[in-house]
Amino acid sequence: MSGSQANVAHSQDFPFDLIVIGAGINGAGIARDAASRGLRVAIVEKEDIASGTSSWSGRLVHGGLRYLEQGDVRLVRESLRERERLFRLAPHLVRPVPLMMPFYSENKRPPWMIRAGMIVYDVLSFDKSPPRHKILSREETLRRFPRMSRKGLAGSAIFYDGQVVWSERLCVETVLAAHADGAAVFTYSKVDELVHENGRARGVRYTDALTGERHELRGKVVVNVAGPWVDAVLTGMGRSSKQLIGGTKGSHLVVDRFDGAPEDVVYYESQRDGRLVLVIPWGRYCLIGTTDIRFDGEPGDARADAEEMEYLLSEVNRLIPEANLTPDDVLYTYSGVRPLPYAPEKSEGSVPRSHVIVDHAPEIRNLLSIVGGKLTTYRSLAEETVNKVFRLLGRKPPRCATRNLPLPGARVADLDGLRNELAAASGLPRATVDRLVEVYGSRAIEVWELGAEDPELLEPFDEATGAIGAELVLAFRHEFARTLTDALVRRTMVGMTAGQGLGSVERAAEILAGRLGWDKERIERETADYREYVRRFEVAGREAAADASPADARPGLKRDKEGLEP
């Protein structure tokens, strides 16, 4: 199953009910919901699943505490409800984590305001499984986080949200679920133009980026879920020139767990400008983020710059004086562009985070575009969108099934029991079993079964992570990977570690060549393409960041307070 390209004739005669443009989390969610309710669905993505904004988030599944400041109670309640669903439907990928909010005398938000917000947060999450918030004294706070700055510290609040360690895997599994219900999946398929006749959307024409072949898909409804590329997809279709997307760039720094690093996610107020910054434990690393800067360029070109790095490092060093982090401590960076509504009159932090479903009728009927949206609420966004699709089709929407459908890797109730059973049955080292369950959930069994047929695939190919060869083969045969980059960065997750797996890239290519029939030219091309791709993680401008001082920082440098969200 390298892709549904092989399964569906490229013909004007194949009538899809719905064509979804974009395989980020929102597009994947829409495709899954629609397919689960019986629609004939195609999902078309210009690169790989989760290759855009969905991969560049702060990896938090949060209720949106800060949205209370904006008075968006509806969004907070929706986020909290959907967060709880993800705890149930994807427990191998999404789990509760504690967050600490310190009370410092210099904070613009007084402790009473934070306490009031926590109470409302608890009330709105009345059906949650994690504990309620609690307020810690100064002494209790320092026992929990000993290395934090003591100057002006009065205490802290502890509350719970969620973390998705591998947001890429959440997208992949959502697409797998859609495909299992009949959706056709077309990756590396760049939409060149929308087909519309007599004022009605009729499909798309696209180019396969890997073969150069051009194709057309016919469909009754088209939903444009291209994230920050929404306007680019709409260009040239005869629509009005109104801009929909006003994206902002969010960057994160990845560092090793440094001396004094917190065990909780710390969500604290910048002493420079009052915005909120996060230090997020992430496996063996910490994420530091995020920025929130208007970005008008090509979204795929977004990179962290020296000024962003200096800002984030200086904030962490204020919070944890003994950290003394410098640009040399940054292992890599990543950046993405949030597909926020175009609102030039608003500051970056005040642009609404709620999604908007834009119906292009009467200009073009049966064409929808999705603006905004969050990782946390992708499922409810999909439900709302698919209900509208059914109405456009002139049909009553059937009951949505995804509220209670687990993702493919969550189809076992006891993950610890699965680990024990797999370790006993497979004879694999416990560290290997733990990794497989962490990444694939119950689908770890599929990985092992592939290796059982070819024992060489049970051997690790990457020393840093312990990833085994069977994972690479699974990526191509059963998870729509079409390039080595797909397999390393968004399937096995090797590419998201320090060094990006560059020491293992040749071995990975050899394993795939032997199973997929790659010749020498293909091996060289895949490894070269991978090395080029991971250059986006390089730490640009280390010297400039090291020389910068707070006075040198760009005026008005701003961050989103909750992490980068799709």
Protein backbone atom coordinates (compact mmCIF):
# COMPACT_ATOMS: atom_id res chain seq x y z
CA MET A 1 0.00 0.00 0.00
CA SER A 2 2.48 2.61 -1.13
CA GLY A 3 -0.39 4.90 -2.05
CA SER A 4 -3.88 4.85 -3.48
CA GLN A 5 -2.45 6.19 -6.71
CA ALA A 6 -2.08 2.55 -7.67
CA ASN A 7 -5.63 1.69 -6.64
CA VAL A 8 -7.77 4.27 -8.43
CA ALA A 9 -7.93 4.89 -12.16
CA HIS A 10 -7.02 8.47 -13.06
CA SER A 11 -10.17 9.09 -14.97
CA GLN A 12 -12.84 11.73 -15.23
CA ASP A 13 -15.31 8.87 -14.86
CA PHE A 14 -14.49 7.99 -11.24
CA PRO A 15 -16.91 10.08 -9.17
CA PHE A 16 -15.79 10.89 -5.65
CA ASP A 17 -18.32 12.44 -3.32
CA LEU A 18 -15.58 14.49 -1.66
CA ILE A 19 -12.06 15.55 -2.58
CA VAL A 20 -10.00 16.83 0.35
CA ILE A 21 -6.96 18.97 -0.47
CA GLY A 22 -4.32 18.69 2.24
CA ALA A 23 -3.22 15.83 4.50
CA GLY A 24 -2.36 17.75 7.62
CA ILE A 25 -4.32 16.91 10.74
CA ASN A 26 -7.45 18.79 9.67
CA GLY A 27 -7.53 17.33 6.17
CA ALA A 28 -6.83 13.87 7.53
CA GLY A 29 -9.62 14.28 10.08
CA ILE A 30 -12.13 15.40 7.45
CA ALA A 31 -11.23 12.49 5.17
CA ARG A 32 -11.58 10.03 8.04
CA ASP A 33 -14.93 11.39 9.20
CA ALA A 34 -16.37 11.45 5.68
CA ALA A 35 -15.16 7.95 4.83
CA SER A 36 -16.48 6.56 8.11
CA ARG A 37 -19.93 7.91 7.20
CA GLY A 38 -19.90 6.22 3.82
CA LEU A 39 -18.77 8.94 1.43
CA ARG A 40 -16.41 8.16 -1.44
CA VAL A 41 -13.38 10.23 -0.50
CA ALA A 42 -10.04 11.19 -2.04
CA ILE A 43 -7.37 13.08 -0.10
CA VAL A 44 -4.79 14.92 -2.20
CA GLU A 45 -1.56 16.22 -0.65
CA LYS A 46 1.22 18.13 -2.40
CA GLU A 47 3.96 16.48 -0.32
CA ASP A 48 3.64 13.89 2.44
CA ILE A 49 1.15 13.34 5.21
CA ALA A 50 1.84 15.86 8.01
CA SER A 51 4.63 17.54 6.05
CA GLY A 52 3.33 21.04 6.80
CA THR A 53 2.20 22.89 9.92
CA SER A 54 1.01 19.77 11.73
CA SER A 55 4.63 18.66 12.19
CA TRP A 56 5.87 21.97 13.55
CA SER A 57 3.70 22.44 16.62
CA GLY A 58 4.61 22.59 20.30
CA ARG A 59 3.11 19.09 20.51
CA LEU A 60 0.59 20.05 23.16
CA VAL A 61 -3.05 18.99 23.05
CA HIS A 62 -4.37 21.80 25.19
CA GLY A 63 -7.66 23.25 26.28
CA GLY A 64 -6.61 26.78 25.39
CA LEU A 65 -6.33 28.37 28.82
CA ARG A 66 -5.24 31.67 27.31
CA TYR A 67 -8.40 31.86 25.20
CA LEU A 68 -10.23 32.68 28.42
CA GLU A 69 -8.42 36.03 28.32
CA GLN A 70 -9.95 36.60 24.89
CA GLY A 71 -13.38 35.62 26.19
CA ASP A 72 -13.63 32.65 23.79
CA VAL A 73 -15.31 30.30 26.25
CA ARG A 74 -16.83 28.21 23.46
CA LEU A 75 -13.41 27.39 22.01
CA VAL A 76 -12.05 26.49 25.45
CA ARG A 77 -14.93 24.11 26.13
CA GLU A 78 -14.60 22.54 22.67
CA SER A 79 -10.84 22.12 23.15
CA LEU A 80 -11.23 20.54 26.58
CA ARG A 81 -13.87 18.13 25.34
CA GLU A 82 -11.78 17.10 22.33
CA ARG A 83 -8.64 16.80 24.47
CA GLU A 84 -10.46 14.29 26.66
CA ARG A 85 -11.56 12.33 23.59
CA LEU A 86 -7.98 12.06 22.37
CA PHE A 87 -6.91 10.69 25.76
CA ARG A 88 -9.41 7.87 25.12
CA LEU A 89 -9.11 7.37 21.37
CA ALA A 90 -5.32 7.71 20.99
CA PRO A 91 -3.78 6.94 24.41
CA HIS A 92 -0.54 5.66 22.85
CA LEU A 93 0.01 9.09 21.28
CA VAL A 94 -1.79 11.59 23.52
CA ARG A 95 -1.43 11.60 27.29
CA PRO A 96 -2.01 14.02 30.18
CA VAL A 97 0.95 16.11 31.35
CA PRO A 98 1.22 18.59 34.24
CA LEU A 99 1.87 22.26 33.52
CA MET A 100 3.25 24.78 36.00
CA MET A 101 2.46 28.50 35.89
CA PRO A 102 4.78 30.41 38.27
CA PHE A 103 3.57 33.53 40.12
CA TYR A 104 6.24 36.23 39.91
CA SER A 105 5.86 39.71 41.34
CA GLU A 106 6.74 41.23 37.94
CA ASN A 107 4.03 39.31 36.09
CA LYS A 108 1.38 41.38 34.37
CA ARG A 109 -1.23 38.79 35.34
CA PRO A 110 -1.74 38.80 39.12
CA PRO A 111 -2.12 35.46 40.97
CA TRP A 112 -5.83 36.05 41.61
CA MET A 113 -6.44 36.29 37.86
CA ILE A 114 -4.64 33.01 37.21
CA ARG A 115 -6.50 31.32 40.06
CA ALA A 116 -9.82 32.55 38.67
CA GLY A 117 -8.87 31.27 35.23
CA MET A 118 -7.97 27.88 36.69
CA ILE A 119 -11.35 27.59 38.40
CA VAL A 120 -13.17 28.37 35.15
CA TYR A 121 -10.88 25.91 33.31
CA ASP A 122 -11.83 23.17 35.76
CA VAL A 123 -15.53 23.98 35.47
CA LEU A 124 -15.37 23.85 31.67
CA SER A 125 -13.54 20.50 31.82
CA PHE A 126 -16.05 18.91 34.21
CA ASP A 127 -15.85 15.61 32.29
CA LYS A 128 -12.05 15.35 32.33
CA SER A 129 -9.96 12.45 33.62
CA PRO A 130 -6.81 14.36 34.78
CA PRO A 131 -6.76 15.94 38.26
CA ARG A 132 -8.07 19.42 38.97
CA HIS A 133 -5.66 22.31 39.32
CA LYS A 134 -3.90 23.08 42.59
CA ILE A 135 -2.10 26.12 43.93
CA LEU A 136 1.39 25.63 45.38
CA SER A 137 3.12 27.86 47.91
CA ARG A 138 6.55 29.29 47.18
CA GLU A 139 8.20 26.46 49.14
CA GLU A 140 6.12 23.77 47.43
CA THR A 141 6.92 25.27 44.03
CA LEU A 142 10.66 25.23 44.71
CA ARG A 143 10.53 21.62 45.89
CA ARG A 144 8.89 20.70 42.58
CA PHE A 145 11.16 22.88 40.43
CA PRO A 146 14.29 23.63 42.51
CA ARG A 147 16.33 25.49 39.87
CA MET A 148 13.79 28.11 38.90
CA SER A 149 14.50 31.75 39.69
CA ARG A 150 13.52 32.65 43.27
CA LYS A 151 13.48 36.39 42.78
CA GLY A 152 9.93 37.64 43.20
CA LEU A 153 8.48 34.11 43.27
CA ALA A 154 5.26 33.82 45.27
CA GLY A 155 4.09 30.33 44.27
CA SER A 156 2.57 28.61 41.25
CA ALA A 157 -0.44 26.87 39.79
CA ILE A 158 -0.35 23.26 38.58
CA PHE A 159 -2.89 22.11 36.02
CA TYR A 160 -3.11 19.40 33.38
CA ASP A 161 -3.26 19.41 29.61
CA GLY A 162 -2.18 16.88 26.99
CA GLN A 163 0.94 16.13 24.99
CA VAL A 164 1.22 14.38 21.64
CA VAL A 165 4.87 13.41 21.40
CA TRP A 166 4.58 12.53 17.72
CA SER A 167 1.98 14.73 16.03
CA GLU A 168 3.17 13.24 12.73
CA ARG A 169 2.02 9.80 13.85
CA LEU A 170 -1.37 11.21 14.85
CA CYS A 171 -1.80 12.44 11.27
CA VAL A 172 -0.57 9.19 9.75
CA GLU A 173 -2.91 7.05 11.83
CA THR A 174 -5.85 9.31 11.02
CA VAL A 175 -5.13 8.84 7.30
CA LEU A 176 -4.78 5.09 7.83
CA ALA A 177 -8.21 5.05 9.46
CA ALA A 178 -9.66 7.00 6.54
CA HIS A 179 -8.11 4.58 4.06
CA ALA A 180 -9.45 1.58 5.98
CA ASP A 181 -12.92 3.03 5.41
CA GLY A 182 -12.30 3.39 1.70
CA ALA A 183 -10.61 6.77 1.22
CA ALA A 184 -8.13 7.01 -1.66
CA VAL A 185 -4.85 8.69 -0.69
CA PHE A 186 -2.75 10.69 -3.17
CA THR A 187 0.50 12.04 -1.73
CA TYR A 188 3.07 14.12 -3.62
CA SER A 189 0.13 15.26 -5.73
CA LYS A 190 0.23 19.04 -6.12
CA VAL A 191 -3.08 20.56 -7.12
CA ASP A 192 -2.50 22.74 -10.16
CA GLU A 193 -6.06 23.95 -10.55
CA LEU A 194 -9.58 23.40 -9.35
CA VAL A 195 -12.03 22.07 -11.92
CA HIS A 196 -15.30 24.02 -11.89
CA GLU A 197 -18.09 24.02 -14.41
CA ASN A 198 -21.20 26.20 -14.50
CA GLY A 199 -20.27 27.77 -11.19
CA ARG A 200 -19.85 24.44 -9.39
CA ALA A 201 -16.71 22.63 -8.21
CA ARG A 202 -16.13 19.41 -10.14
CA GLY A 203 -12.71 18.19 -9.04
CA VAL A 204 -9.00 18.94 -9.28
CA ARG A 205 -6.13 18.62 -11.69
CA TYR A 206 -2.79 17.78 -10.13
CA THR A 207 0.77 16.81 -10.93
CA ASP A 208 2.50 13.84 -9.30
CA ALA A 209 5.66 15.50 -7.98
CA LEU A 210 7.66 12.25 -8.11
CA THR A 211 6.76 11.15 -11.64
CA GLY A 212 5.77 14.41 -13.32
CA GLU A 213 2.52 12.88 -14.54
CA ARG A 214 -0.61 15.05 -14.63
CA HIS A 215 -4.00 13.70 -13.60
CA GLU A 216 -7.55 14.77 -12.95
CA LEU A 217 -9.89 13.64 -10.19
CA ARG A 218 -13.62 14.29 -10.36
CA GLY A 219 -15.65 15.01 -7.27
CA LYS A 220 -18.98 16.46 -6.20
CA VAL A 221 -17.60 18.56 -3.35
CA VAL A 222 -14.07 19.91 -2.85
CA VAL A 223 -12.74 20.99 0.56
CA ASN A 224 -9.56 23.05 0.57
CA VAL A 225 -7.67 22.21 3.79
CA ALA A 226 -4.23 23.25 2.61
CA GLY A 227 -3.36 25.15 5.79
CA PRO A 228 -1.13 28.15 5.06
CA TRP A 229 -1.38 27.26 1.35
CA VAL A 230 -5.19 27.75 1.21
CA ASP A 231 -4.90 30.97 -0.81
CA ALA A 232 -2.34 29.41 -3.15
CA VAL A 233 -4.74 26.57 -3.98
CA LEU A 234 -7.49 29.07 -4.78
CA THR A 235 -5.31 31.20 -7.07
CA GLY A 236 -6.39 31.27 -10.68
CA MET A 237 -9.85 29.75 -10.25
CA GLY A 238 -11.71 32.98 -11.00
CA ARG A 239 -12.59 33.67 -7.36
CA SER A 240 -12.49 37.08 -5.74
CA SER A 241 -9.12 38.37 -4.61
CA LYS A 242 -10.04 38.42 -0.91
CA GLN A 243 -7.15 37.02 1.14
CA LEU A 244 -8.15 34.32 3.62
CA ILE A 245 -4.88 33.41 5.36
CA GLY A 246 -2.77 35.75 7.49
CA GLY A 247 -0.19 33.28 8.72
CA THR A 248 2.25 33.75 11.55
CA LYS A 249 5.53 31.92 11.99
CA GLY A 250 6.16 29.92 15.12
CA SER A 251 9.63 28.57 15.90
CA HIS A 252 10.86 26.08 18.48
CA LEU A 253 14.31 25.24 19.78
CA VAL A 254 15.28 21.68 20.68
CA VAL A 255 17.89 21.20 23.42
CA ASP A 256 19.06 18.27 25.52
CA ARG A 257 17.58 17.91 29.01
CA PHE A 258 19.87 20.41 30.66
CA ASP A 259 20.90 20.63 34.30
CA GLY A 260 17.96 22.13 36.19
CA ALA A 261 15.42 21.46 33.44
CA PRO A 262 11.85 21.11 34.76
CA GLU A 263 9.99 17.82 34.90
CA ASP A 264 6.69 19.61 34.23
CA VAL A 265 5.83 21.73 31.23
CA VAL A 266 6.47 25.27 32.44
CA TYR A 267 4.19 27.93 31.07
CA TYR A 268 5.48 31.30 32.19
CA GLU A 269 5.24 34.99 31.53
CA SER A 270 8.09 36.68 29.71
CA GLN A 271 9.63 39.44 31.78
CA ARG A 272 10.48 41.27 28.57
CA ASP A 273 7.02 41.75 27.13
CA GLY A 274 4.53 39.78 29.22
CA ARG A 275 3.79 37.11 26.65
CA LEU A 276 3.85 33.45 27.61
CA VAL A 277 6.73 31.08 26.83
CA LEU A 278 6.92 27.33 27.29
CA VAL A 279 9.65 24.91 28.29
CA ILE A 280 8.33 21.48 27.33
CA PRO A 281 9.96 18.18 28.37
CA TRP A 282 9.92 16.05 25.21
CA GLY A 283 11.45 12.61 25.67
CA ARG A 284 15.17 13.04 26.14
CA TYR A 285 14.93 16.66 24.96
CA CYS A 286 13.24 19.94 25.83
CA LEU A 287 11.29 22.11 23.44
CA ILE A 288 11.51 25.86 23.96
CA GLY A 289 8.95 27.97 22.19
CA THR A 290 7.30 29.57 20.53
CA THR A 291 7.36 32.76 18.50
CA ASP A 292 4.45 34.42 16.71
CA ILE A 293 5.65 36.59 13.81
CA ARG A 294 3.69 37.61 10.73
CA PHE A 295 4.95 35.67 7.74
CA ASP A 296 4.12 36.45 4.13
CA GLY A 297 6.62 34.18 2.37
CA GLU A 298 6.36 30.63 1.10
CA PRO A 299 5.30 28.63 4.20
CA GLY A 300 7.69 25.80 3.38
CA ASP A 301 10.60 28.23 3.67
CA ALA A 302 9.90 29.24 7.28
CA ARG A 303 13.02 28.89 9.43
CA ALA A 304 14.02 30.01 12.93
CA ASP A 305 16.30 33.04 12.83
CA ALA A 306 18.96 34.34 15.22
CA GLU A 307 16.67 36.91 16.85
CA GLU A 308 14.06 34.30 17.69
CA MET A 309 16.76 32.06 19.14
CA GLU A 310 18.19 34.84 21.28
CA TYR A 311 14.74 35.76 22.56
CA LEU A 312 13.78 32.23 23.56
CA LEU A 313 17.14 31.39 25.13
CA SER A 314 17.19 34.60 27.14
CA GLU A 315 13.73 33.85 28.50
CA VAL A 316 14.73 30.36 29.61
CA ASN A 317 17.89 31.70 31.24
CA ARG A 318 15.80 34.24 33.15
CA LEU A 319 13.54 31.47 34.42
CA ILE A 320 16.40 29.06 35.18
CA PRO A 321 19.50 31.17 35.95
CA GLU A 322 21.82 28.17 36.20
CA ALA A 323 20.84 26.86 32.77
CA ASN A 324 23.13 29.32 30.94
CA LEU A 325 21.89 28.06 27.61
CA THR A 326 23.67 29.40 24.54
CA PRO A 327 23.10 28.89 20.82
CA ASP A 328 25.69 26.09 20.98
CA ASP A 329 23.28 24.13 23.18
CA VAL A 330 20.57 24.16 20.52
CA LEU A 331 20.48 20.78 18.77
CA TYR A 332 18.12 21.90 16.05
CA THR A 333 15.20 24.20 15.37
CA TYR A 334 11.95 23.95 13.50
CA SER A 335 9.40 26.46 12.29
CA GLY A 336 5.95 26.41 10.79
CA VAL A 337 3.26 28.84 9.70
CA ARG A 338 -0.12 28.90 11.42
CA PRO A 339 -3.01 29.17 8.93
CA LEU A 340 -4.75 31.95 10.85
CA PRO A 341 -7.46 34.21 9.43
CA TYR A 342 -6.23 37.30 7.61
CA ALA A 343 -6.68 40.09 10.16
CA PRO A 344 -4.08 42.80 9.51
CA GLU A 345 -5.72 45.15 12.00
CA LYS A 346 -5.09 42.74 14.89
CA SER A 347 -1.84 41.92 16.70
CA GLU A 348 -0.48 38.44 16.15
CA GLY A 349 -1.49 37.19 19.58
CA SER A 350 -5.06 38.49 19.29
CA VAL A 351 -5.92 36.88 15.94
CA PRO A 352 -8.74 34.37 16.66
CA ARG A 353 -7.70 30.72 16.88
CA SER A 354 -11.19 29.41 16.11
CA HIS A 355 -11.59 27.81 12.70
CA VAL A 356 -13.76 29.20 9.92
CA ILE A 357 -15.44 27.13 7.20
CA VAL A 358 -15.60 29.38 4.14
CA ASP A 359 -18.30 28.50 1.62
CA HIS A 360 -17.38 29.96 -1.77
CA ALA A 361 -20.98 29.96 -3.02
CA PRO A 362 -22.49 31.59 -4.96
CA GLU A 363 -19.22 32.29 -6.76
CA ILE A 364 -18.26 28.62 -6.80
CA ARG A 365 -20.75 26.18 -5.30
CA ASN A 366 -19.69 22.96 -3.54
CA LEU A 367 -16.30 24.43 -2.67
CA LEU A 368 -15.26 24.95 0.96
CA SER A 369 -12.02 26.28 2.44
CA ILE A 370 -10.89 25.77 6.04
CA VAL A 371 -9.16 28.71 7.71
CA GLY A 372 -7.49 28.23 11.08
CA GLY A 373 -8.11 25.26 13.31
CA LYS A 374 -6.08 23.62 16.05
CA LEU A 375 -4.43 20.26 16.53
CA THR A 376 -6.59 19.69 19.59
CA THR A 377 -9.92 20.26 17.86
CA TYR A 378 -9.28 18.60 14.51
CA ARG A 379 -11.93 15.92 15.07
CA SER A 380 -14.76 18.34 15.91
CA LEU A 381 -13.73 20.58 12.99
CA ALA A 382 -13.97 17.52 10.74
CA GLU A 383 -17.41 16.61 12.09
CA GLU A 384 -18.74 20.11 11.44
CA THR A 385 -17.23 20.19 7.94
CA VAL A 386 -18.56 16.78 6.91
CA ASN A 387 -22.04 17.69 8.14
CA LYS A 388 -21.89 20.64 5.75
CA VAL A 389 -20.61 18.41 2.93
CA PHE A 390 -23.63 16.15 3.31
CA ARG A 391 -25.94 19.15 3.11
CA LEU A 392 -24.18 20.30 -0.06
CA LEU A 393 -24.78 16.83 -1.47
CA GLY A 394 -28.47 17.19 -0.64
CA ARG A 395 -28.32 14.43 1.97
CA LYS A 396 -29.10 14.32 5.66
CA PRO A 397 -25.83 13.88 7.62
CA PRO A 398 -25.64 10.44 9.26
CA ARG A 399 -24.53 10.29 12.88
CA CYS A 400 -20.79 11.02 13.25
CA ALA A 401 -18.85 7.91 14.26
CA THR A 402 -15.44 9.37 15.09
CA ARG A 403 -16.48 10.55 18.55
CA ASN A 404 -15.94 7.01 19.79
CA LEU A 405 -13.70 5.37 17.18
CA PRO A 406 -10.13 4.73 18.40
CA LEU A 407 -7.25 5.29 16.04
CA PRO A 408 -5.65 2.16 14.55
CA GLY A 409 -2.86 2.03 17.14
CA ALA A 410 -5.29 2.34 20.05
CA ARG A 411 -7.25 -0.83 19.44
CA VAL A 412 -6.11 -2.45 22.64
CA ALA A 413 -7.21 -1.44 26.12
CA ASP A 414 -4.03 -2.25 28.03
CA LEU A 415 -0.81 -0.89 26.52
CA ASP A 416 1.30 -2.20 29.40
CA GLY A 417 -0.17 -5.64 28.87
CA LEU A 418 0.60 -5.34 25.17
CA ARG A 419 4.24 -4.56 25.96
CA ASN A 420 4.54 -7.64 28.16
CA GLU A 421 2.85 -9.92 25.64
CA LEU A 422 4.90 -8.62 22.72
CA ALA A 423 8.16 -8.94 24.65
CA ALA A 424 7.32 -12.54 25.55
CA ALA A 425 6.13 -13.53 22.07
CA SER A 426 8.81 -11.78 20.05
CA GLY A 427 11.93 -12.23 22.14
CA LEU A 428 12.84 -8.64 21.27
CA PRO A 429 14.73 -6.54 23.84
CA ARG A 430 12.38 -4.70 26.16
CA ALA A 431 13.76 -1.34 24.99
CA THR A 432 12.79 -2.23 21.41
CA VAL A 433 9.32 -3.32 22.45
CA ASP A 434 8.79 -0.16 24.50
CA ARG A 435 9.81 1.98 21.54
CA LEU A 436 7.51 0.15 19.13
CA VAL A 437 4.49 0.54 21.40
CA GLU A 438 5.36 4.20 22.04
CA VAL A 439 5.37 4.96 18.31
CA TYR A 440 2.84 2.48 16.89
CA GLY A 441 0.60 1.47 19.79
CA SER A 442 -1.12 -1.84 19.08
CA ARG A 443 0.24 -1.73 15.53
CA ALA A 444 3.63 -2.64 17.01
CA ILE A 445 2.47 -6.21 16.38
CA GLU A 446 2.39 -5.49 12.63
CA VAL A 447 5.98 -4.26 12.80
CA TRP A 448 7.09 -7.43 14.59
CA GLU A 449 5.21 -9.66 12.14
CA LEU A 450 7.05 -8.06 9.23
CA GLY A 451 10.33 -8.75 11.00
CA ALA A 452 9.36 -12.32 11.80
CA GLU A 453 9.13 -12.96 8.05
CA ASP A 454 12.58 -11.41 7.50
CA PRO A 455 14.67 -11.64 10.73
CA GLU A 456 17.23 -9.11 9.49
CA LEU A 457 14.48 -6.50 9.81
CA LEU A 458 14.36 -7.04 13.57
CA GLU A 459 17.85 -5.56 13.91
CA PRO A 460 18.23 -1.86 14.76
CA PHE A 461 19.33 0.34 11.89
CA ASP A 462 19.60 3.51 14.00
CA GLU A 463 21.73 3.39 17.12
CA ALA A 464 20.34 6.55 18.73
CA THR A 465 16.69 5.46 18.73
CA GLY A 466 16.90 1.70 18.37
CA ALA A 467 14.53 1.82 15.37
CA ILE A 468 14.45 -1.48 13.49
CA GLY A 469 14.37 -2.22 9.79
CA ALA A 470 10.81 -3.54 9.85
CA GLU A 471 9.60 -0.02 10.63
CA LEU A 472 11.01 1.23 7.34
CA VAL A 473 9.30 -1.52 5.37
CA LEU A 474 6.02 -0.92 7.19
CA ALA A 475 6.23 2.77 6.26
CA PHE A 476 6.32 1.97 2.54
CA ARG A 477 4.04 -1.05 2.45
CA HIS A 478 1.34 0.08 4.85
CA GLU A 479 1.73 3.78 5.71
CA PHE A 480 1.90 5.62 2.38
CA ALA A 481 5.58 6.57 2.55
CA ARG A 482 6.96 7.26 -0.91
CA THR A 483 10.42 8.60 -0.05
CA LEU A 484 13.17 7.88 2.45
CA THR A 485 12.45 11.27 4.01
CA ASP A 486 8.84 10.24 4.66
CA ALA A 487 10.01 7.08 6.40
CA LEU A 488 12.66 8.70 8.57
CA VAL A 489 11.01 12.02 9.48
CA ARG A 490 7.28 11.20 9.66
CA ARG A 491 7.01 7.42 10.21
CA THR A 492 9.91 6.02 12.27
CA MET A 493 10.58 9.49 13.78
CA VAL A 494 14.34 8.94 13.52
CA GLY A 495 14.69 12.25 11.70
CA MET A 496 13.29 14.19 14.67
CA THR A 497 16.18 13.31 16.97
CA ALA A 498 19.52 15.08 17.48
CA GLY A 499 21.54 14.59 14.32
CA GLN A 500 18.36 13.77 12.35
CA GLY A 501 19.52 10.19 11.77
CA LEU A 502 22.21 11.27 9.32
CA GLY A 503 24.48 8.53 10.62
CA SER A 504 21.87 5.91 9.67
CA VAL A 505 20.60 7.19 6.36
CA GLU A 506 22.77 4.91 4.20
CA ARG A 507 21.81 1.82 6.19
CA ALA A 508 18.12 2.75 5.98
CA ALA A 509 18.41 3.15 2.20
CA GLU A 510 20.15 -0.23 1.89
CA ILE A 511 17.38 -1.96 3.83
CA LEU A 512 14.70 -0.44 1.62
CA ALA A 513 16.65 -1.09 -1.56
CA GLY A 514 16.78 -4.79 -0.75
CA ARG A 515 13.03 -5.00 -0.14
CA LEU A 516 11.69 -2.48 -2.65
CA GLY A 517 14.08 -3.07 -5.53
CA TRP A 518 15.83 0.31 -5.50
CA ASP A 519 18.82 0.54 -7.81
CA LYS A 520 22.02 2.45 -7.06
CA GLU A 521 20.70 5.62 -8.66
CA ARG A 522 17.56 5.53 -6.51
CA ILE A 523 19.62 4.97 -3.35
CA GLU A 524 21.86 7.94 -4.14
CA ARG A 525 18.92 10.17 -4.96
CA GLU A 526 16.97 9.25 -1.82
CA THR A 527 19.93 9.78 0.51
CA ALA A 528 20.87 13.07 -1.17
CA ASP A 529 17.27 14.30 -0.97
CA TYR A 530 17.15 13.40 2.72
CA ARG A 531 20.34 15.28 3.53
CA GLU A 532 18.96 18.31 1.72
CA TYR A 533 15.63 18.09 3.52
CA VAL A 534 17.06 18.02 7.04
CA ARG A 535 19.08 21.17 6.39
CA ARG A 536 15.92 23.01 7.45
CA PHE A 537 16.70 21.94 11.02
CA GLU A 538 20.13 23.55 11.06
CA VAL A 539 20.73 26.27 13.62
CA ALA A 540 21.10 29.38 11.51
CA GLY A 541 22.99 32.38 12.78
CA ARG A 542 24.53 30.88 15.93
CA GLU A 543 27.11 33.66 16.04
CA ALA A 544 24.53 36.41 15.59
CA ALA A 545 22.35 34.93 18.33
CA ALA A 546 25.28 34.59 20.67
CA ASP A 547 26.27 38.23 20.13
CA ALA A 548 22.73 39.58 20.50
CA SER A 549 21.52 41.11 23.74
CA PRO A 550 17.93 41.84 24.75
CA ALA A 551 18.40 45.42 23.53
CA ASP A 552 19.33 44.09 20.10
CA ALA A 553 16.20 41.99 19.72
CA ARG A 554 13.67 42.93 17.11
CA PRO A 555 11.06 45.27 18.62
CA GLY A 556 7.72 43.62 19.01
CA LEU A 557 8.99 40.05 18.65
CA LYS A 558 5.98 38.06 19.71
CA ARG A 559 5.06 34.54 20.61
CA ASP A 560 1.90 32.54 20.68
CA LYS A 561 1.17 31.64 24.26
CA GLU A 562 0.10 28.05 23.73
CA GLY A 563 2.51 26.66 21.16
CA LEU A 564 2.21 26.46 17.39
CA GLU A 565 -1.13 25.03 16.39
CA PRO A 566 -2.39 23.97 12.99
